[in-house]
């Protein structure tokens, strides 16, 4: 792949990485809400935690870390892709 030479000028001028940040930020509260509701319902029903609950908790922690890493490395990812940087970001 030859970098940004295969990308159209419209794509290069339109993409700033804000979509990536929006998805990373949007998933964290959604995940926290649904997982919290799951654990709350398990608490109300008196059901003990199983392996699936521990795996869900681990996946939430990993997803939060992934979202944080995505947000922190946005500028590095754009530099590696050859796309121009938005100076306001």
N, C-alpha and C. Protein backbone atom coordinates (compact mmCIF):
# COMPACT_ATOMS: atom_id res chain seq x y z
N UNK A 1 0.85 -1.18 0.00
CA UNK A 1 0.00 0.00 0.00
C UNK A 1 0.89 1.23 0.00
N UNK A 2 0.55 2.19 -0.79
CA UNK A 2 1.40 3.35 -0.96
C UNK A 2 0.99 4.53 -0.11
N UNK A 3 0.25 4.31 0.97
CA UNK A 3 -0.10 5.42 1.85
C UNK A 3 -1.33 6.16 1.39
N UNK A 4 -1.30 7.48 1.52
CA UNK A 4 -2.48 8.29 1.22
C UNK A 4 -2.66 8.57 -0.26
N UNK A 5 -1.75 8.12 -1.13
CA UNK A 5 -1.88 8.41 -2.55
C UNK A 5 -3.07 7.68 -3.17
N UNK A 6 -3.53 6.57 -2.57
CA UNK A 6 -4.67 5.85 -3.12
C UNK A 6 -6.00 6.37 -2.59
N UNK A 7 -5.97 7.33 -1.68
CA UNK A 7 -7.19 7.89 -1.12
C UNK A 7 -7.62 9.11 -1.92
N UNK A 8 -8.93 9.26 -2.06
CA UNK A 8 -9.43 10.42 -2.79
C UNK A 8 -9.22 11.69 -1.96
N UNK A 9 -9.04 12.83 -2.63
CA UNK A 9 -8.85 14.09 -1.90
C UNK A 9 -10.05 14.45 -1.01
N UNK A 10 -11.27 14.06 -1.43
CA UNK A 10 -12.45 14.33 -0.61
C UNK A 10 -12.39 13.56 0.71
N UNK A 11 -11.94 12.31 0.63
CA UNK A 11 -11.84 11.50 1.85
C UNK A 11 -10.78 12.07 2.78
N UNK A 12 -9.64 12.43 2.23
CA UNK A 12 -8.55 12.95 3.05
C UNK A 12 -8.95 14.25 3.72
N UNK A 13 -9.67 15.11 3.01
CA UNK A 13 -10.06 16.39 3.61
C UNK A 13 -11.22 16.23 4.60
N UNK A 14 -12.02 15.18 4.47
CA UNK A 14 -13.18 15.00 5.35
C UNK A 14 -12.85 14.23 6.62
N UNK A 15 -11.86 13.36 6.59
CA UNK A 15 -11.59 12.50 7.74
C UNK A 15 -10.65 13.18 8.72
N UNK A 16 -11.09 13.30 9.97
CA UNK A 16 -10.23 13.90 10.99
C UNK A 16 -10.07 13.01 12.21
N UNK A 17 -10.72 11.86 12.22
CA UNK A 17 -10.63 10.96 13.35
C UNK A 17 -11.71 11.19 14.40
N UNK A 18 -12.57 12.17 14.17
CA UNK A 18 -13.61 12.46 15.14
C UNK A 18 -14.62 11.32 15.24
N UNK A 19 -14.84 10.60 14.13
CA UNK A 19 -15.75 9.45 14.16
C UNK A 19 -15.20 8.37 15.07
N UNK A 20 -13.90 8.15 15.01
CA UNK A 20 -13.25 7.16 15.85
C UNK A 20 -13.41 7.50 17.33
N UNK A 21 -13.20 8.75 17.67
CA UNK A 21 -13.36 9.20 19.05
C UNK A 21 -14.82 9.08 19.49
N UNK A 22 -15.74 9.44 18.62
CA UNK A 22 -17.16 9.38 18.97
C UNK A 22 -17.60 7.96 19.28
N UNK A 23 -17.15 7.00 18.51
CA UNK A 23 -17.51 5.61 18.75
C UNK A 23 -16.87 5.11 20.05
N UNK A 24 -15.62 5.45 20.26
CA UNK A 24 -14.92 5.02 21.48
C UNK A 24 -15.59 5.59 22.72
N UNK A 25 -16.01 6.84 22.66
CA UNK A 25 -16.65 7.48 23.81
C UNK A 25 -18.08 6.98 24.00
N UNK A 26 -18.79 6.72 22.92
CA UNK A 26 -20.19 6.31 23.01
C UNK A 26 -20.35 4.91 23.60
N UNK A 27 -19.41 4.02 23.34
CA UNK A 27 -19.56 2.65 23.81
C UNK A 27 -19.40 2.52 25.32
N UNK A 28 -18.58 3.33 25.94
CA UNK A 28 -18.32 3.17 27.37
C UNK A 28 -19.58 3.34 28.21
N UNK A 29 -20.35 4.43 28.08
CA UNK A 29 -21.56 4.53 28.90
C UNK A 29 -22.61 3.47 28.58
N UNK A 30 -22.72 3.10 27.30
CA UNK A 30 -23.68 2.06 26.93
C UNK A 30 -23.33 0.75 27.61
N UNK A 31 -22.08 0.38 27.55
CA UNK A 31 -21.62 -0.86 28.18
C UNK A 31 -21.83 -0.80 29.68
N UNK A 32 -21.47 0.31 30.30
CA UNK A 32 -21.62 0.43 31.75
C UNK A 32 -23.08 0.35 32.18
N UNK A 33 -23.98 0.94 31.42
CA UNK A 33 -25.40 0.89 31.75
C UNK A 33 -25.91 -0.55 31.71
N UNK A 34 -25.64 -1.25 30.60
CA UNK A 34 -26.18 -2.60 30.46
C UNK A 34 -25.55 -3.60 31.42
N UNK A 35 -24.28 -3.48 31.65
CA UNK A 35 -23.64 -4.39 32.59
C UNK A 35 -24.09 -4.10 34.02
N UNK A 36 -24.25 -2.83 34.34
CA UNK A 36 -24.77 -2.48 35.67
C UNK A 36 -26.18 -3.02 35.86
N UNK A 37 -27.02 -2.93 34.84
CA UNK A 37 -28.37 -3.48 34.92
C UNK A 37 -28.33 -5.00 35.10
N UNK A 38 -27.40 -5.64 34.44
CA UNK A 38 -27.28 -7.10 34.60
C UNK A 38 -26.93 -7.46 36.04
N UNK A 39 -25.92 -6.79 36.58
CA UNK A 39 -25.52 -7.11 37.95
C UNK A 39 -26.59 -6.70 38.96
N UNK A 40 -27.30 -5.63 38.69
CA UNK A 40 -28.40 -5.23 39.57
C UNK A 40 -29.51 -6.27 39.55
N UNK A 41 -29.86 -6.78 38.39
CA UNK A 41 -30.89 -7.81 38.30
C UNK A 41 -30.44 -9.11 38.96
N UNK A 42 -29.15 -9.42 38.84
CA UNK A 42 -28.63 -10.61 39.52
C UNK A 42 -28.72 -10.43 41.04
N UNK A 43 -28.45 -9.21 41.49
CA UNK A 43 -28.55 -8.91 42.92
C UNK A 43 -29.99 -9.03 43.42
N UNK A 44 -30.93 -8.46 42.66
CA UNK A 44 -32.34 -8.51 43.06
C UNK A 44 -32.88 -9.94 43.10
N UNK A 45 -32.44 -10.76 42.17
CA UNK A 45 -32.94 -12.14 42.11
C UNK A 45 -32.20 -13.06 43.08
N UNK A 46 -31.11 -12.57 43.66
CA UNK A 46 -30.35 -13.38 44.61
C UNK A 46 -29.49 -14.44 43.95
N UNK A 47 -29.23 -14.29 42.67
CA UNK A 47 -28.43 -15.26 41.94
C UNK A 47 -26.95 -15.01 42.19
N UNK A 48 -26.22 -16.09 42.44
CA UNK A 48 -24.77 -15.96 42.64
C UNK A 48 -24.09 -15.71 41.30
N UNK A 49 -22.91 -15.11 41.39
CA UNK A 49 -22.14 -14.85 40.18
C UNK A 49 -21.60 -16.16 39.62
N UNK A 50 -21.63 -16.24 38.31
CA UNK A 50 -21.06 -17.40 37.63
C UNK A 50 -19.86 -16.98 36.80
N UNK A 51 -19.33 -17.92 36.06
CA UNK A 51 -18.18 -17.63 35.20
C UNK A 51 -18.51 -16.54 34.19
N UNK A 52 -19.72 -16.57 33.65
CA UNK A 52 -20.12 -15.56 32.67
C UNK A 52 -20.08 -14.15 33.25
N UNK A 53 -20.44 -14.00 34.51
CA UNK A 53 -20.40 -12.68 35.14
C UNK A 53 -18.97 -12.16 35.28
N UNK A 54 -18.07 -13.04 35.66
CA UNK A 54 -16.66 -12.64 35.76
C UNK A 54 -16.07 -12.29 34.39
N UNK A 55 -16.47 -13.05 33.38
CA UNK A 55 -15.99 -12.75 32.02
C UNK A 55 -16.54 -11.43 31.52
N UNK A 56 -17.80 -11.14 31.84
CA UNK A 56 -18.39 -9.86 31.44
C UNK A 56 -17.67 -8.71 32.14
N UNK A 57 -17.39 -8.88 33.42
CA UNK A 57 -16.68 -7.84 34.16
C UNK A 57 -15.29 -7.60 33.57
N UNK A 58 -14.59 -8.68 33.22
CA UNK A 58 -13.28 -8.54 32.60
C UNK A 58 -13.39 -7.85 31.24
N UNK A 59 -14.42 -8.18 30.48
CA UNK A 59 -14.58 -7.56 29.16
C UNK A 59 -14.90 -6.07 29.26
N UNK A 60 -15.63 -5.68 30.30
CA UNK A 60 -15.91 -4.25 30.51
C UNK A 60 -14.61 -3.50 30.79
N UNK A 61 -13.80 -4.07 31.65
CA UNK A 61 -12.52 -3.43 31.98
C UNK A 61 -11.64 -3.33 30.73
N UNK A 62 -11.61 -4.39 29.94
CA UNK A 62 -10.81 -4.36 28.71
C UNK A 62 -11.36 -3.35 27.70
N UNK A 63 -12.69 -3.25 27.59
CA UNK A 63 -13.28 -2.30 26.65
C UNK A 63 -13.00 -0.86 27.06
N UNK A 64 -13.06 -0.57 28.34
CA UNK A 64 -12.73 0.78 28.81
C UNK A 64 -11.27 1.10 28.51
N UNK A 65 -10.39 0.13 28.73
CA UNK A 65 -8.98 0.33 28.38
C UNK A 65 -8.77 0.51 26.90
N UNK A 66 -9.51 -0.24 26.09
CA UNK A 66 -9.40 -0.11 24.64
C UNK A 66 -9.89 1.26 24.18
N UNK A 67 -10.99 1.72 24.74
CA UNK A 67 -11.49 3.06 24.38
C UNK A 67 -10.51 4.15 24.79
N UNK A 68 -9.93 4.01 25.97
CA UNK A 68 -8.94 4.99 26.42
C UNK A 68 -7.72 4.98 25.51
N UNK A 69 -7.27 3.81 25.12
CA UNK A 69 -6.11 3.72 24.23
C UNK A 69 -6.43 4.30 22.86
N UNK A 70 -7.63 4.08 22.38
CA UNK A 70 -8.04 4.63 21.09
C UNK A 70 -8.04 6.15 21.12
N UNK A 71 -8.57 6.70 22.19
CA UNK A 71 -8.62 8.16 22.31
C UNK A 71 -7.21 8.74 22.42
N UNK A 72 -6.37 8.09 23.22
CA UNK A 72 -5.02 8.61 23.44
C UNK A 72 -4.13 8.49 22.21
N UNK A 73 -4.38 7.51 21.37
CA UNK A 73 -3.50 7.28 20.22
C UNK A 73 -4.09 7.77 18.91
N UNK A 74 -5.17 8.53 18.96
CA UNK A 74 -5.79 9.01 17.72
C UNK A 74 -4.80 9.77 16.84
N UNK A 75 -4.07 10.65 17.42
CA UNK A 75 -3.13 11.45 16.64
C UNK A 75 -2.03 10.58 16.04
N UNK A 76 -1.56 9.60 16.80
CA UNK A 76 -0.52 8.70 16.29
C UNK A 76 -1.05 7.85 15.14
N UNK A 77 -2.30 7.40 15.27
CA UNK A 77 -2.89 6.60 14.20
C UNK A 77 -3.04 7.41 12.92
N UNK A 78 -3.44 8.67 13.06
CA UNK A 78 -3.57 9.51 11.88
C UNK A 78 -2.22 9.80 11.25
N UNK A 79 -1.20 9.99 12.07
CA UNK A 79 0.14 10.21 11.53
C UNK A 79 0.61 8.98 10.75
N UNK A 80 0.35 7.80 11.29
CA UNK A 80 0.77 6.57 10.64
C UNK A 80 0.02 6.34 9.34
N UNK A 81 -1.21 6.82 9.26
CA UNK A 81 -2.00 6.60 8.05
C UNK A 81 -1.63 7.57 6.93
N UNK A 82 -0.94 8.64 7.25
CA UNK A 82 -0.58 9.61 6.25
C UNK A 82 -1.63 10.68 6.02
N UNK A 83 -2.70 10.65 6.82
CA UNK A 83 -3.74 11.66 6.67
C UNK A 83 -3.32 12.95 7.37
N UNK A 84 -3.74 14.09 6.87
CA UNK A 84 -3.35 15.35 7.51
C UNK A 84 -4.01 15.51 8.87
N UNK A 85 -3.32 16.24 9.75
CA UNK A 85 -3.80 16.47 11.10
C UNK A 85 -4.68 17.72 11.15
N UNK A 86 -5.69 17.66 12.00
CA UNK A 86 -6.53 18.83 12.27
C UNK A 86 -5.86 19.58 13.42
N UNK A 87 -5.37 20.78 13.23
CA UNK A 87 -4.66 21.49 14.29
C UNK A 87 -5.54 21.81 15.49
N UNK A 88 -6.86 21.79 15.35
CA UNK A 88 -7.76 22.10 16.47
C UNK A 88 -7.91 20.92 17.42
N UNK A 89 -7.50 19.71 17.02
CA UNK A 89 -7.66 18.51 17.87
C UNK A 89 -6.51 18.34 18.80
